[in-house]
Amino acid sequence: MYDDDPELRRIFRTCPTIAVLGAHVERGRAAFYVPDYLEGFGYELIPVNPAYVGERLWGNPFVATLAEIERPVDLVDVFRRGPAVADHLDDILAMTPLPRVVWLQLGIKNDAVAAALTAAGIEVVQDRCMLADHRRLGLGRVGAHEGSPR
């Protein structure tokens, strides 16, 4: 669906606030090091995982669910297995305002959820790694002119 580099660049440039669904505190897990990489480029990350409520990551406290986020989110970055993504559909659709993009990380795909999100006006990226795409596209800090250094 989003194999078009200009579209991916637009998403990176226009989505500075990211809710990380399934964020993890273990440095060796993709749910830590992918968003950690993005944080280094100026993205604001909100960690979402009920197992770590009471802890902080990337300067923000963990929240248990997307419903607990009290500010607008541009993008929901999903680190949950494909079948589990459906468990979060209602939470995503209840966000106010709706996120502009839901990004299912590499290896995560759920066409039914993608169709429901798309029908609600949310862009969906499936089975792609934000770190790999950001790096491959040579992007700098969020909101900066593309290709500019960190």
N, C-alpha and C. Protein backbone atom coordinates (compact mmCIF):
# COMPACT_ATOMS: atom_id res chain seq x y z
N MET A 1 0.83 -1.19 0.00
CA MET A 1 0.00 0.00 0.00
C MET A 1 0.87 1.26 0.00
N TYR A 2 1.87 1.33 0.86
CA TYR A 2 2.75 2.49 0.91
C TYR A 2 4.16 2.10 0.52
N ASP A 3 4.32 1.77 -0.75
CA ASP A 3 5.64 1.46 -1.29
C ASP A 3 6.20 2.68 -2.01
N ASP A 4 5.46 3.77 -1.96
CA ASP A 4 5.83 4.99 -2.65
C ASP A 4 6.68 5.86 -1.73
N ASP A 5 7.95 6.04 -2.08
CA ASP A 5 8.86 6.80 -1.22
C ASP A 5 8.38 8.21 -0.91
N PRO A 6 7.82 8.96 -1.88
CA PRO A 6 7.31 10.30 -1.53
C PRO A 6 6.23 10.25 -0.44
N GLU A 7 5.37 9.24 -0.48
CA GLU A 7 4.33 9.11 0.55
C GLU A 7 4.96 8.79 1.91
N LEU A 8 5.94 7.91 1.93
CA LEU A 8 6.62 7.58 3.19
C LEU A 8 7.34 8.82 3.73
N ARG A 9 8.00 9.57 2.87
CA ARG A 9 8.67 10.81 3.31
C ARG A 9 7.66 11.78 3.93
N ARG A 10 6.50 11.92 3.27
CA ARG A 10 5.46 12.81 3.79
C ARG A 10 5.02 12.37 5.18
N ILE A 11 4.84 11.08 5.36
CA ILE A 11 4.43 10.58 6.68
C ILE A 11 5.48 10.93 7.73
N PHE A 12 6.74 10.64 7.45
CA PHE A 12 7.80 10.96 8.41
C PHE A 12 7.86 12.46 8.71
N ARG A 13 7.70 13.29 7.69
CA ARG A 13 7.81 14.74 7.88
C ARG A 13 6.63 15.33 8.65
N THR A 14 5.46 14.72 8.55
CA THR A 14 4.25 15.34 9.08
C THR A 14 3.67 14.64 10.31
N CYS A 15 4.39 13.68 10.86
CA CYS A 15 3.88 12.93 12.01
C CYS A 15 4.87 12.97 13.17
N PRO A 16 5.00 14.10 13.84
CA PRO A 16 6.01 14.21 14.90
C PRO A 16 5.64 13.52 16.22
N THR A 17 4.35 13.28 16.45
CA THR A 17 3.93 12.69 17.72
C THR A 17 3.45 11.26 17.47
N ILE A 18 4.14 10.31 18.12
CA ILE A 18 3.91 8.90 17.84
C ILE A 18 3.57 8.15 19.14
N ALA A 19 2.44 7.45 19.14
CA ALA A 19 2.12 6.52 20.22
C ALA A 19 2.71 5.17 19.85
N VAL A 20 3.51 4.60 20.73
CA VAL A 20 4.17 3.32 20.46
C VAL A 20 3.41 2.22 21.18
N LEU A 21 2.53 1.55 20.45
CA LEU A 21 1.69 0.51 21.01
C LEU A 21 2.50 -0.78 21.13
N GLY A 22 2.70 -1.22 22.37
CA GLY A 22 3.53 -2.40 22.62
C GLY A 22 4.97 -2.03 22.91
N ALA A 23 5.22 -0.77 23.28
CA ALA A 23 6.57 -0.32 23.61
C ALA A 23 7.17 -1.23 24.67
N HIS A 24 8.48 -1.41 24.60
CA HIS A 24 9.17 -2.33 25.52
C HIS A 24 10.41 -1.68 26.09
N VAL A 25 10.77 -2.07 27.30
CA VAL A 25 11.94 -1.48 27.96
C VAL A 25 13.25 -2.22 27.66
N GLU A 26 13.16 -3.44 27.11
CA GLU A 26 14.37 -4.20 26.79
C GLU A 26 15.02 -3.63 25.53
N ARG A 27 16.27 -3.19 25.66
CA ARG A 27 16.97 -2.53 24.56
C ARG A 27 17.14 -3.39 23.32
N GLY A 28 17.17 -4.71 23.47
CA GLY A 28 17.36 -5.61 22.34
C GLY A 28 16.10 -5.91 21.55
N ARG A 29 14.97 -5.41 21.99
CA ARG A 29 13.70 -5.67 21.30
C ARG A 29 13.37 -4.53 20.35
N ALA A 30 12.81 -4.90 19.20
CA ALA A 30 12.44 -3.88 18.20
C ALA A 30 11.50 -2.83 18.79
N ALA A 31 10.64 -3.23 19.72
CA ALA A 31 9.70 -2.29 20.33
C ALA A 31 10.40 -1.28 21.24
N PHE A 32 11.70 -1.44 21.44
CA PHE A 32 12.51 -0.42 22.10
C PHE A 32 13.40 0.31 21.09
N TYR A 33 14.22 -0.44 20.34
CA TYR A 33 15.25 0.23 19.55
C TYR A 33 14.73 0.96 18.32
N VAL A 34 13.61 0.53 17.75
CA VAL A 34 13.05 1.28 16.61
C VAL A 34 12.56 2.65 17.06
N PRO A 35 11.67 2.72 18.07
CA PRO A 35 11.25 4.06 18.51
C PRO A 35 12.40 4.86 19.13
N ASP A 36 13.34 4.20 19.78
CA ASP A 36 14.47 4.91 20.36
C ASP A 36 15.27 5.62 19.26
N TYR A 37 15.45 4.96 18.14
CA TYR A 37 16.09 5.57 16.97
C TYR A 37 15.32 6.82 16.55
N LEU A 38 13.98 6.71 16.44
CA LEU A 38 13.16 7.84 16.01
C LEU A 38 13.23 8.99 17.01
N GLU A 39 13.28 8.67 18.28
CA GLU A 39 13.37 9.72 19.31
C GLU A 39 14.64 10.54 19.11
N GLY A 40 15.70 9.90 18.67
CA GLY A 40 16.95 10.59 18.39
C GLY A 40 16.85 11.58 17.25
N PHE A 41 15.80 11.48 16.46
CA PHE A 41 15.58 12.40 15.34
C PHE A 41 14.47 13.40 15.65
N GLY A 42 14.10 13.51 16.92
CA GLY A 42 13.17 14.56 17.33
C GLY A 42 11.71 14.17 17.39
N TYR A 43 11.38 12.91 17.17
CA TYR A 43 9.99 12.49 17.29
C TYR A 43 9.61 12.43 18.77
N GLU A 44 8.39 12.81 19.08
CA GLU A 44 7.85 12.74 20.45
C GLU A 44 7.16 11.40 20.58
N LEU A 45 7.62 10.56 21.51
CA LEU A 45 7.11 9.20 21.65
C LEU A 45 6.32 9.02 22.94
N ILE A 46 5.18 8.38 22.82
CA ILE A 46 4.35 8.07 23.97
C ILE A 46 4.29 6.55 24.08
N PRO A 47 4.95 5.97 25.11
CA PRO A 47 4.95 4.50 25.24
C PRO A 47 3.62 3.97 25.78
N VAL A 48 3.10 2.94 25.11
CA VAL A 48 1.83 2.33 25.50
C VAL A 48 2.06 0.85 25.76
N ASN A 49 1.95 0.46 27.03
CA ASN A 49 2.08 -0.94 27.42
C ASN A 49 1.67 -1.05 28.89
N PRO A 50 0.59 -1.80 29.19
CA PRO A 50 0.13 -1.89 30.58
C PRO A 50 1.15 -2.53 31.51
N ALA A 51 2.07 -3.31 31.00
CA ALA A 51 3.06 -3.98 31.84
C ALA A 51 4.06 -3.00 32.47
N TYR A 52 4.17 -1.80 31.92
CA TYR A 52 5.18 -0.86 32.40
C TYR A 52 4.61 0.45 32.95
N VAL A 53 3.32 0.48 33.24
CA VAL A 53 2.73 1.68 33.83
C VAL A 53 3.47 2.00 35.12
N GLY A 54 3.80 3.26 35.31
CA GLY A 54 4.59 3.69 36.46
C GLY A 54 6.04 3.96 36.08
N GLU A 55 6.44 3.47 34.91
CA GLU A 55 7.78 3.72 34.41
C GLU A 55 7.73 4.78 33.31
N ARG A 56 8.90 5.29 32.96
CA ARG A 56 9.01 6.30 31.90
C ARG A 56 9.97 5.81 30.82
N LEU A 57 9.72 6.24 29.61
CA LEU A 57 10.59 5.93 28.49
C LEU A 57 10.51 7.09 27.51
N TRP A 58 11.64 7.50 26.98
CA TRP A 58 11.71 8.61 26.03
C TRP A 58 11.10 9.89 26.61
N GLY A 59 11.26 10.05 27.92
CA GLY A 59 10.80 11.27 28.59
C GLY A 59 9.32 11.30 28.92
N ASN A 60 8.59 10.25 28.62
CA ASN A 60 7.16 10.22 28.88
C ASN A 60 6.77 8.99 29.69
N PRO A 61 5.73 9.12 30.51
CA PRO A 61 5.27 7.96 31.27
C PRO A 61 4.55 6.96 30.37
N PHE A 62 4.70 5.69 30.70
CA PHE A 62 3.92 4.66 30.02
C PHE A 62 2.45 4.87 30.34
N VAL A 63 1.60 4.61 29.36
CA VAL A 63 0.16 4.53 29.59
C VAL A 63 -0.26 3.11 29.25
N ALA A 64 -1.36 2.66 29.84
CA ALA A 64 -1.81 1.28 29.64
C ALA A 64 -2.50 1.09 28.30
N THR A 65 -3.24 2.12 27.86
CA THR A 65 -4.01 2.02 26.62
C THR A 65 -3.93 3.32 25.84
N LEU A 66 -4.27 3.25 24.58
CA LEU A 66 -4.32 4.45 23.74
C LEU A 66 -5.33 5.45 24.29
N ALA A 67 -6.39 4.97 24.93
CA ALA A 67 -7.44 5.85 25.46
C ALA A 67 -6.90 6.79 26.55
N GLU A 68 -5.80 6.44 27.18
CA GLU A 68 -5.24 7.26 28.25
C GLU A 68 -4.39 8.42 27.75
N ILE A 69 -4.12 8.46 26.46
CA ILE A 69 -3.31 9.54 25.90
C ILE A 69 -4.17 10.80 25.82
N GLU A 70 -3.68 11.85 26.44
CA GLU A 70 -4.49 13.07 26.58
C GLU A 70 -4.12 14.17 25.60
N ARG A 71 -3.42 13.83 24.54
CA ARG A 71 -3.06 14.84 23.53
C ARG A 71 -3.17 14.21 22.15
N PRO A 72 -3.23 15.03 21.12
CA PRO A 72 -3.33 14.47 19.77
C PRO A 72 -2.08 13.67 19.41
N VAL A 73 -2.31 12.59 18.69
CA VAL A 73 -1.24 11.71 18.21
C VAL A 73 -1.34 11.68 16.69
N ASP A 74 -0.20 11.86 16.03
CA ASP A 74 -0.19 11.84 14.57
C ASP A 74 -0.16 10.43 14.02
N LEU A 75 0.56 9.54 14.72
CA LEU A 75 0.81 8.20 14.19
C LEU A 75 0.81 7.20 15.35
N VAL A 76 0.19 6.05 15.13
CA VAL A 76 0.27 4.95 16.09
C VAL A 76 1.19 3.91 15.47
N ASP A 77 2.31 3.65 16.14
CA ASP A 77 3.31 2.69 15.70
C ASP A 77 3.05 1.39 16.45
N VAL A 78 2.70 0.33 15.73
CA VAL A 78 2.21 -0.89 16.35
C VAL A 78 3.27 -1.99 16.38
N PHE A 79 3.55 -2.45 17.60
CA PHE A 79 4.44 -3.58 17.85
C PHE A 79 3.65 -4.68 18.54
N ARG A 80 2.64 -5.18 17.86
CA ARG A 80 1.80 -6.28 18.36
C ARG A 80 1.65 -7.27 17.24
N ARG A 81 1.53 -8.55 17.55
CA ARG A 81 1.36 -9.55 16.51
C ARG A 81 0.10 -9.26 15.69
N GLY A 82 0.13 -9.65 14.43
CA GLY A 82 -0.98 -9.38 13.51
C GLY A 82 -2.37 -9.65 14.06
N PRO A 83 -2.64 -10.86 14.60
CA PRO A 83 -3.98 -11.13 15.12
C PRO A 83 -4.36 -10.24 16.31
N ALA A 84 -3.38 -9.82 17.11
CA ALA A 84 -3.65 -8.98 18.28
C ALA A 84 -3.98 -7.54 17.90
N VAL A 85 -3.65 -7.16 16.69
CA VAL A 85 -3.93 -5.78 16.25
C VAL A 85 -5.43 -5.50 16.32
N ALA A 86 -6.25 -6.49 16.01
CA ALA A 86 -7.71 -6.32 16.05
C ALA A 86 -8.19 -5.94 17.44
N ASP A 87 -7.49 -6.38 18.47
CA ASP A 87 -7.86 -6.04 19.85
C ASP A 87 -7.75 -4.55 20.12
N HIS A 88 -7.01 -3.82 19.30
CA HIS A 88 -6.78 -2.39 19.51
C HIS A 88 -7.56 -1.50 18.55
N LEU A 89 -8.31 -2.10 17.65
CA LEU A 89 -9.04 -1.34 16.64
C LEU A 89 -9.99 -0.33 17.28
N ASP A 90 -10.81 -0.76 18.22
CA ASP A 90 -11.76 0.17 18.85
C ASP A 90 -11.04 1.31 19.57
N ASP A 91 -9.92 1.00 20.22
CA ASP A 91 -9.15 2.05 20.91
C ASP A 91 -8.61 3.07 19.92
N ILE A 92 -8.12 2.60 18.79
CA ILE A 92 -7.60 3.53 17.78
C ILE A 92 -8.72 4.40 17.25
N LEU A 93 -9.86 3.80 16.94
CA LEU A 93 -10.99 4.55 16.39
C LEU A 93 -11.64 5.48 17.40
N ALA A 94 -11.38 5.27 18.69
CA ALA A 94 -11.93 6.13 19.74
C ALA A 94 -11.02 7.32 20.05
N MET A 95 -9.81 7.34 19.49
CA MET A 95 -8.88 8.44 19.76
C MET A 95 -9.44 9.74 19.19
N THR A 96 -9.26 10.83 19.96
CA THR A 96 -9.75 12.13 19.53
C THR A 96 -8.62 13.14 19.61
N PRO A 97 -8.24 13.73 18.51
CA PRO A 97 -8.67 13.38 17.16
C PRO A 97 -8.07 12.05 16.74
N LEU A 98 -8.57 11.52 15.65
CA LEU A 98 -8.01 10.26 15.13
C LEU A 98 -6.57 10.48 14.70
N PRO A 99 -5.72 9.47 14.85
CA PRO A 99 -4.37 9.59 14.31
C PRO A 99 -4.47 9.64 12.78
N ARG A 100 -3.51 10.27 12.15
CA ARG A 100 -3.51 10.33 10.68
C ARG A 100 -3.02 9.03 10.08
N VAL A 101 -2.13 8.33 10.81
CA VAL A 101 -1.49 7.12 10.28
C VAL A 101 -1.41 6.06 11.37
N VAL A 102 -1.62 4.81 10.98
CA VAL A 102 -1.31 3.66 11.82
C VAL A 102 -0.26 2.86 11.04
N TRP A 103 0.88 2.64 11.69
CA TRP A 103 2.00 1.94 11.05
C TRP A 103 2.19 0.60 11.74
N LEU A 104 1.97 -0.49 11.00
CA LEU A 104 2.20 -1.84 11.52
C LEU A 104 3.62 -2.22 11.14
N GLN A 105 4.44 -2.48 12.13
CA GLN A 105 5.86 -2.72 11.91
C GLN A 105 6.12 -3.99 11.09
N LEU A 106 7.36 -4.15 10.71
CA LEU A 106 7.79 -5.26 9.87
C LEU A 106 7.30 -6.59 10.45
N GLY A 107 6.66 -7.40 9.61
CA GLY A 107 6.15 -8.69 10.04
C GLY A 107 4.73 -8.63 10.58
N ILE A 108 4.15 -7.44 10.66
CA ILE A 108 2.80 -7.27 11.21
C ILE A 108 1.87 -6.84 10.07
N LYS A 109 0.83 -7.63 9.89
CA LYS A 109 -0.13 -7.35 8.82
C LYS A 109 -1.50 -7.83 9.27
N ASN A 110 -2.51 -7.00 9.05
CA ASN A 110 -3.88 -7.39 9.34
C ASN A 110 -4.77 -6.61 8.38
N ASP A 111 -5.14 -7.26 7.28
CA ASP A 111 -5.90 -6.58 6.23
C ASP A 111 -7.27 -6.11 6.68
N ALA A 112 -7.94 -6.86 7.54
CA ALA A 112 -9.27 -6.47 8.02
C ALA A 112 -9.17 -5.19 8.85
N VAL A 113 -8.19 -5.13 9.74
CA VAL A 113 -8.00 -3.92 10.55
C VAL A 113 -7.60 -2.75 9.65
N ALA A 114 -6.72 -3.00 8.69
CA ALA A 114 -6.30 -1.95 7.77
C ALA A 114 -7.49 -1.39 7.00
N ALA A 115 -8.39 -2.26 6.57
CA ALA A 115 -9.57 -1.81 5.83
C ALA A 115 -10.48 -0.95 6.72
N ALA A 116 -10.67 -1.35 7.97
CA ALA A 116 -11.51 -0.58 8.90
C ALA A 116 -10.89 0.79 9.19
N LEU A 117 -9.57 0.82 9.37
CA LEU A 117 -8.90 2.10 9.63
C LEU A 117 -8.96 3.00 8.41
N THR A 118 -8.73 2.43 7.25
CA THR A 118 -8.79 3.21 6.01
C THR A 118 -10.19 3.78 5.81
N ALA A 119 -11.21 2.98 6.09
CA ALA A 119 -12.60 3.45 5.97
C ALA A 119 -12.89 4.62 6.90
N ALA A 120 -12.15 4.69 8.01
CA ALA A 120 -12.31 5.80 8.97
C ALA A 120 -11.45 7.00 8.60
N GLY A 121 -10.72 6.90 7.48
CA GLY A 121 -9.91 8.02 7.04
C GLY A 121 -8.48 8.02 7.56
N ILE A 122 -8.05 6.89 8.12
CA ILE A 122 -6.70 6.77 8.66
C ILE A 122 -5.83 6.05 7.64
N GLU A 123 -4.66 6.61 7.35
CA GLU A 123 -3.72 5.94 6.46
C GLU A 123 -3.10 4.76 7.20
N VAL A 124 -2.82 3.69 6.48
CA VAL A 124 -2.25 2.49 7.08
C VAL A 124 -1.01 2.05 6.30
N VAL A 125 0.06 1.81 7.04
CA VAL A 125 1.27 1.23 6.50
C VAL A 125 1.42 -0.13 7.18
N GLN A 126 1.59 -1.19 6.40
CA GLN A 126 1.72 -2.53 6.97
C GLN A 126 3.05 -3.16 6.61
N ASP A 127 3.56 -3.97 7.53
CA ASP A 127 4.72 -4.83 7.27
C ASP A 127 5.94 -4.04 6.80
N ARG A 128 6.20 -2.90 7.46
CA ARG A 128 7.37 -2.08 7.13
C ARG A 128 8.00 -1.61 8.44
N CYS A 129 9.31 -1.48 8.44
CA CYS A 129 10.04 -1.01 9.62
C CYS A 129 10.29 0.49 9.51
N MET A 130 9.83 1.25 10.50
CA MET A 130 10.04 2.70 10.47
C MET A 130 11.53 3.05 10.50
N LEU A 131 12.31 2.34 11.29
CA LEU A 131 13.74 2.61 11.36
C LEU A 131 14.39 2.39 9.99
N ALA A 132 14.13 1.25 9.38
CA ALA A 132 14.73 0.93 8.09
C ALA A 132 14.31 1.93 7.01
N ASP A 133 13.03 2.29 6.98
CA ASP A 133 12.57 3.24 5.97
C ASP A 133 13.14 4.64 6.21
N HIS A 134 13.15 5.08 7.45
CA HIS A 134 13.71 6.40 7.77
C HIS A 134 15.18 6.46 7.35
N ARG A 135 15.92 5.43 7.68
CA ARG A 135 17.35 5.36 7.34
C ARG A 135 17.54 5.29 5.82
N ARG A 136 16.79 4.42 5.16
CA ARG A 136 16.90 4.24 3.71
C ARG A 136 16.59 5.52 2.95
N LEU A 137 15.62 6.28 3.45
CA LEU A 137 15.24 7.52 2.79
C LEU A 137 16.19 8.67 3.11
N GLY A 138 17.12 8.44 4.04
CA GLY A 138 18.11 9.47 4.38
C GLY A 138 17.50 10.69 5.03
N LEU A 139 16.48 10.47 5.85
CA LEU A 139 15.78 11.60 6.48
C LEU A 139 16.51 12.08 7.73
N GLY A 140 16.36 13.35 8.02
CA GLY A 140 16.93 13.94 9.21
C GLY A 140 15.88 14.08 10.29
N ARG A 141 15.96 15.16 11.03
CA ARG A 141 15.04 15.40 12.13
C ARG A 141 13.63 15.61 11.61
N VAL A 142 12.66 15.25 12.41
CA VAL A 142 11.26 15.43 12.05
C VAL A 142 11.00 16.91 11.78
N GLY A 143 10.27 17.18 10.71
CA GLY A 143 9.93 18.54 10.36
C GLY A 143 11.05 19.27 9.64
N ALA A 144 12.25 18.69 9.57
CA ALA A 144 13.36 19.34 8.89
C ALA A 144 13.28 19.05 7.39
N HIS A 145 13.98 19.84 6.62
CA HIS A 145 14.06 19.59 5.18
C HIS A 145 14.65 18.21 4.98
N GLU A 146 14.01 17.40 4.13
CA GLU A 146 14.49 16.02 3.98
C GLU A 146 15.94 15.98 3.54
N GLY A 147 16.63 15.06 4.14
CA GLY A 147 18.04 14.89 3.85
C GLY A 147 18.95 15.76 4.72
N SER A 148 18.34 16.64 5.53
CA SER A 148 19.18 17.49 6.38
C SER A 148 19.76 16.67 7.52
N PRO A 149 20.92 17.02 8.01
CA PRO A 149 21.54 16.23 9.08
C PRO A 149 20.78 16.35 10.38
N ARG A 150 21.04 15.41 11.25
CA ARG A 150 20.42 15.38 12.57
C ARG A 150 20.57 16.64 13.31
